[in-house]
Amino acid sequence: MTKNIIEINDEENFKQEVLLSKNKLILVDFYADWCGPCRQLSPILVEISEELSDKIKIVKINIEKNVQVATDFKIQSIPTLILFSNGDAVSREVGGKSKQDIIDWISNYVTPYK
């Protein structure tokens, strides 16, 4: 994990890092270690976290270690990416995505993007 990506360990950590965070847009990556598309997405998220660190915070949450959080957000397929703004889920994408697809998606919620 890079310094720009936070690994969520429990419900309280999720609440502090995501639900109570008010400063930046937060991208939450719901994943599992055994998930091939999740593993492919991981280095893309690292690149995005480094390039957009002033605009977005990225957190990862393993659905097998955090079943309640995954249930609360109705995660049925992985990878699932959810954007949060001021503690509210504002958008969701499911499945593997290209770096450009993710950046384009994020740009709809970050103003100004560039």
N, C-alpha and C. Protein backbone atom coordinates (compact mmCIF):
# COMPACT_ATOMS: atom_id res chain seq x y z
N MET A 1 0.85 -1.18 0.00
CA MET A 1 0.00 0.00 0.00
C MET A 1 0.90 1.24 0.00
N THR A 2 0.51 2.25 -0.75
CA THR A 2 1.29 3.48 -0.77
C THR A 2 0.78 4.42 0.31
N LYS A 3 1.54 5.47 0.53
CA LYS A 3 1.12 6.45 1.54
C LYS A 3 -0.15 7.18 1.15
N ASN A 4 -0.48 7.16 -0.15
CA ASN A 4 -1.66 7.86 -0.62
C ASN A 4 -2.93 7.02 -0.58
N ILE A 5 -2.80 5.73 -0.26
CA ILE A 5 -3.96 4.85 -0.18
C ILE A 5 -4.06 4.30 1.23
N ILE A 6 -5.24 4.39 1.80
CA ILE A 6 -5.46 3.94 3.18
C ILE A 6 -6.22 2.62 3.15
N GLU A 7 -5.73 1.66 3.91
CA GLU A 7 -6.42 0.37 4.05
C GLU A 7 -7.35 0.45 5.26
N ILE A 8 -8.63 0.19 5.04
CA ILE A 8 -9.63 0.23 6.11
C ILE A 8 -9.63 -1.12 6.83
N ASN A 9 -9.58 -1.08 8.16
CA ASN A 9 -9.48 -2.32 8.94
C ASN A 9 -10.76 -2.70 9.67
N ASP A 10 -11.63 -1.74 9.93
CA ASP A 10 -12.84 -2.04 10.69
C ASP A 10 -13.88 -0.94 10.47
N GLU A 11 -15.06 -1.14 11.03
CA GLU A 11 -16.15 -0.19 10.84
C GLU A 11 -15.83 1.19 11.38
N GLU A 12 -15.17 1.26 12.52
CA GLU A 12 -14.83 2.55 13.11
C GLU A 12 -13.83 3.30 12.23
N ASN A 13 -12.85 2.57 11.70
CA ASN A 13 -11.87 3.15 10.79
C ASN A 13 -12.56 3.68 9.53
N PHE A 14 -13.53 2.93 9.00
CA PHE A 14 -14.30 3.36 7.83
C PHE A 14 -15.07 4.64 8.14
N LYS A 15 -15.68 4.67 9.30
CA LYS A 15 -16.44 5.86 9.71
C LYS A 15 -15.53 7.09 9.77
N GLN A 16 -14.36 6.94 10.39
CA GLN A 16 -13.43 8.06 10.54
C GLN A 16 -12.86 8.52 9.20
N GLU A 17 -12.42 7.57 8.39
CA GLU A 17 -11.73 7.90 7.14
C GLU A 17 -12.67 8.30 6.00
N VAL A 18 -13.90 7.82 6.04
CA VAL A 18 -14.82 8.05 4.91
C VAL A 18 -16.04 8.87 5.32
N LEU A 19 -16.81 8.37 6.24
CA LEU A 19 -18.10 8.99 6.55
C LEU A 19 -17.97 10.34 7.24
N LEU A 20 -16.91 10.53 8.03
CA LEU A 20 -16.73 11.80 8.74
C LEU A 20 -15.76 12.73 8.03
N SER A 21 -15.20 12.31 6.92
CA SER A 21 -14.23 13.12 6.18
C SER A 21 -14.96 14.17 5.35
N LYS A 22 -14.53 15.41 5.47
CA LYS A 22 -15.22 16.51 4.80
C LYS A 22 -14.35 17.26 3.80
N ASN A 23 -13.07 16.98 3.74
CA ASN A 23 -12.17 17.82 2.96
C ASN A 23 -12.02 17.45 1.50
N LYS A 24 -12.02 16.17 1.19
CA LYS A 24 -11.76 15.72 -0.17
C LYS A 24 -12.81 14.72 -0.60
N LEU A 25 -12.89 14.58 -1.91
CA LEU A 25 -13.65 13.47 -2.47
C LEU A 25 -12.93 12.19 -2.08
N ILE A 26 -13.67 11.15 -1.74
CA ILE A 26 -13.06 9.89 -1.33
C ILE A 26 -13.53 8.78 -2.25
N LEU A 27 -12.59 8.05 -2.79
CA LEU A 27 -12.89 6.89 -3.61
C LEU A 27 -12.64 5.66 -2.76
N VAL A 28 -13.66 4.84 -2.57
CA VAL A 28 -13.53 3.61 -1.78
C VAL A 28 -13.53 2.42 -2.74
N ASP A 29 -12.50 1.61 -2.64
CA ASP A 29 -12.36 0.40 -3.45
C ASP A 29 -12.72 -0.80 -2.58
N PHE A 30 -13.86 -1.42 -2.86
CA PHE A 30 -14.27 -2.65 -2.19
C PHE A 30 -13.70 -3.81 -3.00
N TYR A 31 -12.89 -4.66 -2.35
CA TYR A 31 -12.17 -5.71 -3.07
C TYR A 31 -12.04 -6.96 -2.22
N ALA A 32 -11.48 -8.01 -2.83
CA ALA A 32 -11.07 -9.23 -2.12
C ALA A 32 -9.73 -9.66 -2.70
N ASP A 33 -8.90 -10.29 -1.87
CA ASP A 33 -7.57 -10.71 -2.31
C ASP A 33 -7.61 -11.70 -3.46
N TRP A 34 -8.62 -12.55 -3.52
CA TRP A 34 -8.70 -13.59 -4.54
C TRP A 34 -9.27 -13.08 -5.87
N CYS A 35 -9.71 -11.85 -5.93
CA CYS A 35 -10.40 -11.29 -7.10
C CYS A 35 -9.39 -10.78 -8.14
N GLY A 36 -9.37 -11.43 -9.31
CA GLY A 36 -8.45 -11.05 -10.38
C GLY A 36 -8.62 -9.61 -10.85
N PRO A 37 -9.85 -9.19 -11.19
CA PRO A 37 -10.04 -7.79 -11.61
C PRO A 37 -9.65 -6.79 -10.51
N CYS A 38 -9.83 -7.17 -9.25
CA CYS A 38 -9.42 -6.30 -8.14
C CYS A 38 -7.90 -6.12 -8.15
N ARG A 39 -7.18 -7.21 -8.36
CA ARG A 39 -5.71 -7.15 -8.41
C ARG A 39 -5.23 -6.31 -9.59
N GLN A 40 -5.94 -6.39 -10.72
CA GLN A 40 -5.58 -5.58 -11.88
C GLN A 40 -5.84 -4.09 -11.63
N LEU A 41 -6.85 -3.79 -10.88
CA LEU A 41 -7.23 -2.41 -10.59
C LEU A 41 -6.27 -1.74 -9.60
N SER A 42 -5.67 -2.52 -8.73
CA SER A 42 -4.85 -1.97 -7.65
C SER A 42 -3.73 -1.03 -8.13
N PRO A 43 -2.89 -1.42 -9.11
CA PRO A 43 -1.84 -0.49 -9.55
C PRO A 43 -2.39 0.76 -10.23
N ILE A 44 -3.55 0.65 -10.85
CA ILE A 44 -4.19 1.82 -11.46
C ILE A 44 -4.58 2.82 -10.37
N LEU A 45 -5.12 2.31 -9.27
CA LEU A 45 -5.51 3.19 -8.17
C LEU A 45 -4.29 3.83 -7.53
N VAL A 46 -3.17 3.11 -7.48
CA VAL A 46 -1.93 3.69 -6.95
C VAL A 46 -1.52 4.89 -7.81
N GLU A 47 -1.53 4.71 -9.13
CA GLU A 47 -1.17 5.81 -10.03
C GLU A 47 -2.10 7.00 -9.85
N ILE A 48 -3.39 6.74 -9.79
CA ILE A 48 -4.37 7.82 -9.62
C ILE A 48 -4.16 8.52 -8.28
N SER A 49 -3.88 7.75 -7.23
CA SER A 49 -3.68 8.35 -5.91
C SER A 49 -2.47 9.28 -5.90
N GLU A 50 -1.45 8.93 -6.67
CA GLU A 50 -0.25 9.78 -6.73
C GLU A 50 -0.50 11.02 -7.58
N GLU A 51 -1.22 10.86 -8.68
CA GLU A 51 -1.46 11.97 -9.59
C GLU A 51 -2.50 12.96 -9.06
N LEU A 52 -3.46 12.48 -8.31
CA LEU A 52 -4.57 13.33 -7.87
C LEU A 52 -4.65 13.46 -6.35
N SER A 53 -3.51 13.33 -5.67
CA SER A 53 -3.53 13.32 -4.20
C SER A 53 -4.09 14.60 -3.60
N ASP A 54 -4.02 15.71 -4.33
CA ASP A 54 -4.57 16.97 -3.81
C ASP A 54 -6.08 17.07 -4.01
N LYS A 55 -6.65 16.16 -4.80
CA LYS A 55 -8.08 16.23 -5.12
C LYS A 55 -8.91 15.10 -4.54
N ILE A 56 -8.27 13.97 -4.28
CA ILE A 56 -9.03 12.78 -3.88
C ILE A 56 -8.23 11.94 -2.89
N LYS A 57 -8.95 11.30 -1.99
CA LYS A 57 -8.35 10.32 -1.08
C LYS A 57 -8.89 8.96 -1.49
N ILE A 58 -8.00 7.97 -1.58
CA ILE A 58 -8.41 6.62 -1.95
C ILE A 58 -8.25 5.71 -0.75
N VAL A 59 -9.31 4.96 -0.47
CA VAL A 59 -9.25 3.95 0.59
C VAL A 59 -9.68 2.61 0.01
N LYS A 60 -9.08 1.56 0.55
CA LYS A 60 -9.41 0.20 0.12
C LYS A 60 -10.02 -0.54 1.30
N ILE A 61 -11.01 -1.36 1.00
CA ILE A 61 -11.64 -2.14 2.06
C ILE A 61 -11.87 -3.56 1.57
N ASN A 62 -11.28 -4.51 2.28
CA ASN A 62 -11.41 -5.93 1.95
C ASN A 62 -12.77 -6.40 2.45
N ILE A 63 -13.62 -6.84 1.52
CA ILE A 63 -14.99 -7.21 1.89
C ILE A 63 -15.05 -8.44 2.78
N GLU A 64 -14.04 -9.29 2.72
CA GLU A 64 -14.05 -10.50 3.56
C GLU A 64 -13.66 -10.18 5.00
N LYS A 65 -12.91 -9.12 5.21
CA LYS A 65 -12.51 -8.73 6.55
C LYS A 65 -13.45 -7.68 7.14
N ASN A 66 -14.29 -7.11 6.29
CA ASN A 66 -15.21 -6.04 6.69
C ASN A 66 -16.59 -6.31 6.13
N VAL A 67 -17.15 -7.44 6.53
CA VAL A 67 -18.43 -7.90 5.98
C VAL A 67 -19.55 -6.91 6.25
N GLN A 68 -19.59 -6.33 7.43
CA GLN A 68 -20.69 -5.43 7.76
C GLN A 68 -20.69 -4.19 6.88
N VAL A 69 -19.52 -3.61 6.65
CA VAL A 69 -19.45 -2.42 5.79
C VAL A 69 -19.87 -2.77 4.37
N ALA A 70 -19.40 -3.92 3.87
CA ALA A 70 -19.80 -4.36 2.53
C ALA A 70 -21.31 -4.58 2.45
N THR A 71 -21.88 -5.13 3.49
CA THR A 71 -23.33 -5.35 3.54
C THR A 71 -24.07 -4.01 3.59
N ASP A 72 -23.59 -3.09 4.41
CA ASP A 72 -24.23 -1.78 4.54
C ASP A 72 -24.31 -1.06 3.20
N PHE A 73 -23.30 -1.25 2.36
CA PHE A 73 -23.27 -0.56 1.06
C PHE A 73 -23.69 -1.47 -0.09
N LYS A 74 -24.30 -2.60 0.27
CA LYS A 74 -24.90 -3.52 -0.71
C LYS A 74 -23.94 -3.91 -1.82
N ILE A 75 -22.72 -4.30 -1.40
CA ILE A 75 -21.71 -4.74 -2.36
C ILE A 75 -22.07 -6.16 -2.79
N GLN A 76 -22.38 -6.33 -4.06
CA GLN A 76 -22.77 -7.64 -4.59
C GLN A 76 -21.75 -8.18 -5.57
N SER A 77 -20.90 -7.31 -6.10
CA SER A 77 -19.90 -7.71 -7.07
C SER A 77 -18.66 -6.87 -6.82
N ILE A 78 -17.50 -7.45 -7.09
CA ILE A 78 -16.25 -6.72 -6.90
C ILE A 78 -15.41 -6.81 -8.15
N PRO A 79 -14.56 -5.81 -8.37
CA PRO A 79 -14.41 -4.61 -7.55
C PRO A 79 -15.60 -3.67 -7.70
N THR A 80 -15.92 -3.01 -6.60
CA THR A 80 -16.90 -1.93 -6.61
C THR A 80 -16.19 -0.68 -6.10
N LEU A 81 -16.33 0.40 -6.85
CA LEU A 81 -15.76 1.69 -6.46
C LEU A 81 -16.92 2.61 -6.13
N ILE A 82 -16.85 3.26 -4.97
CA ILE A 82 -17.87 4.22 -4.59
C ILE A 82 -17.19 5.54 -4.26
N LEU A 83 -17.70 6.62 -4.83
CA LEU A 83 -17.22 7.96 -4.51
C LEU A 83 -18.07 8.54 -3.39
N PHE A 84 -17.40 9.10 -2.40
CA PHE A 84 -18.06 9.76 -1.27
C PHE A 84 -17.69 11.23 -1.26
N SER A 85 -18.67 12.06 -0.98
CA SER A 85 -18.45 13.49 -0.79
C SER A 85 -19.17 13.90 0.48
N ASN A 86 -18.43 14.47 1.40
CA ASN A 86 -18.99 14.89 2.69
C ASN A 86 -19.74 13.76 3.40
N GLY A 87 -19.20 12.56 3.31
CA GLY A 87 -19.77 11.41 4.01
C GLY A 87 -20.89 10.69 3.29
N ASP A 88 -21.29 11.20 2.13
CA ASP A 88 -22.38 10.58 1.37
C ASP A 88 -21.86 9.91 0.11
N ALA A 89 -22.38 8.72 -0.17
CA ALA A 89 -22.05 8.04 -1.42
C ALA A 89 -22.73 8.79 -2.56
N VAL A 90 -21.93 9.25 -3.54
CA VAL A 90 -22.49 10.05 -4.63
C VAL A 90 -22.48 9.33 -5.98
N SER A 91 -21.66 8.28 -6.10
CA SER A 91 -21.60 7.55 -7.36
C SER A 91 -20.94 6.20 -7.12
N ARG A 92 -21.27 5.25 -8.01
CA ARG A 92 -20.77 3.88 -7.87
C ARG A 92 -20.43 3.32 -9.25
N GLU A 93 -19.32 2.60 -9.32
CA GLU A 93 -18.92 1.87 -10.53
C GLU A 93 -18.58 0.44 -10.11
N VAL A 94 -18.97 -0.51 -10.93
CA VAL A 94 -18.72 -1.92 -10.62
C VAL A 94 -17.92 -2.54 -11.76
N GLY A 95 -16.93 -3.35 -11.38
CA GLY A 95 -16.13 -4.06 -12.38
C GLY A 95 -14.81 -3.36 -12.66
N GLY A 96 -13.95 -4.06 -13.39
CA GLY A 96 -12.66 -3.51 -13.75
C GLY A 96 -12.81 -2.31 -14.67
N LYS A 97 -11.99 -1.31 -14.47
CA LYS A 97 -12.04 -0.08 -15.26
C LYS A 97 -10.62 0.31 -15.65
N SER A 98 -10.51 1.03 -16.76
CA SER A 98 -9.21 1.57 -17.16
C SER A 98 -8.91 2.81 -16.33
N LYS A 99 -7.66 3.20 -16.32
CA LYS A 99 -7.26 4.40 -15.60
C LYS A 99 -8.04 5.60 -16.12
N GLN A 100 -8.13 5.73 -17.45
CA GLN A 100 -8.83 6.88 -18.02
C GLN A 100 -10.31 6.88 -17.67
N ASP A 101 -10.93 5.70 -17.66
CA ASP A 101 -12.34 5.61 -17.27
C ASP A 101 -12.55 6.12 -15.85
N ILE A 102 -11.65 5.74 -14.95
CA ILE A 102 -11.77 6.16 -13.55
C ILE A 102 -11.54 7.66 -13.43
N ILE A 103 -10.53 8.18 -14.11
CA ILE A 103 -10.26 9.62 -14.06
C ILE A 103 -11.44 10.41 -14.62
N ASP A 104 -12.00 9.94 -15.74
CA ASP A 104 -13.17 10.61 -16.31
C ASP A 104 -14.34 10.61 -15.33
N TRP A 105 -14.54 9.49 -14.66
CA TRP A 105 -15.61 9.36 -13.66
C TRP A 105 -15.39 10.34 -12.51
N ILE A 106 -14.16 10.35 -11.97
CA ILE A 106 -13.83 11.25 -10.86
C ILE A 106 -14.02 12.70 -11.27
N SER A 107 -13.64 13.03 -12.50
CA SER A 107 -13.68 14.43 -12.95
C SER A 107 -15.09 15.00 -12.93
N ASN A 108 -16.10 14.15 -12.96
CA ASN A 108 -17.48 14.62 -12.85
C ASN A 108 -17.81 15.16 -11.47
N TYR A 109 -16.97 14.85 -10.48
CA TYR A 109 -17.26 15.21 -9.09
C TYR A 109 -16.23 16.14 -8.47
N VAL A 110 -15.14 16.40 -9.19
CA VAL A 110 -14.09 17.28 -8.69
C VAL A 110 -14.14 18.57 -9.50
N THR A 111 -14.28 19.71 -8.80
CA THR A 111 -14.34 20.99 -9.48
C THR A 111 -13.37 21.96 -8.83
N PRO A 112 -12.50 22.61 -9.56
CA PRO A 112 -12.19 22.29 -10.95
C PRO A 112 -11.28 21.08 -11.00
N TYR A 113 -11.41 20.29 -12.04
CA TYR A 113 -10.62 19.06 -12.13
C TYR A 113 -9.16 19.36 -12.40
N LYS A 114 -8.87 20.29 -13.28
CA LYS A 114 -7.47 20.58 -13.64
C LYS A 114 -7.10 21.98 -13.26
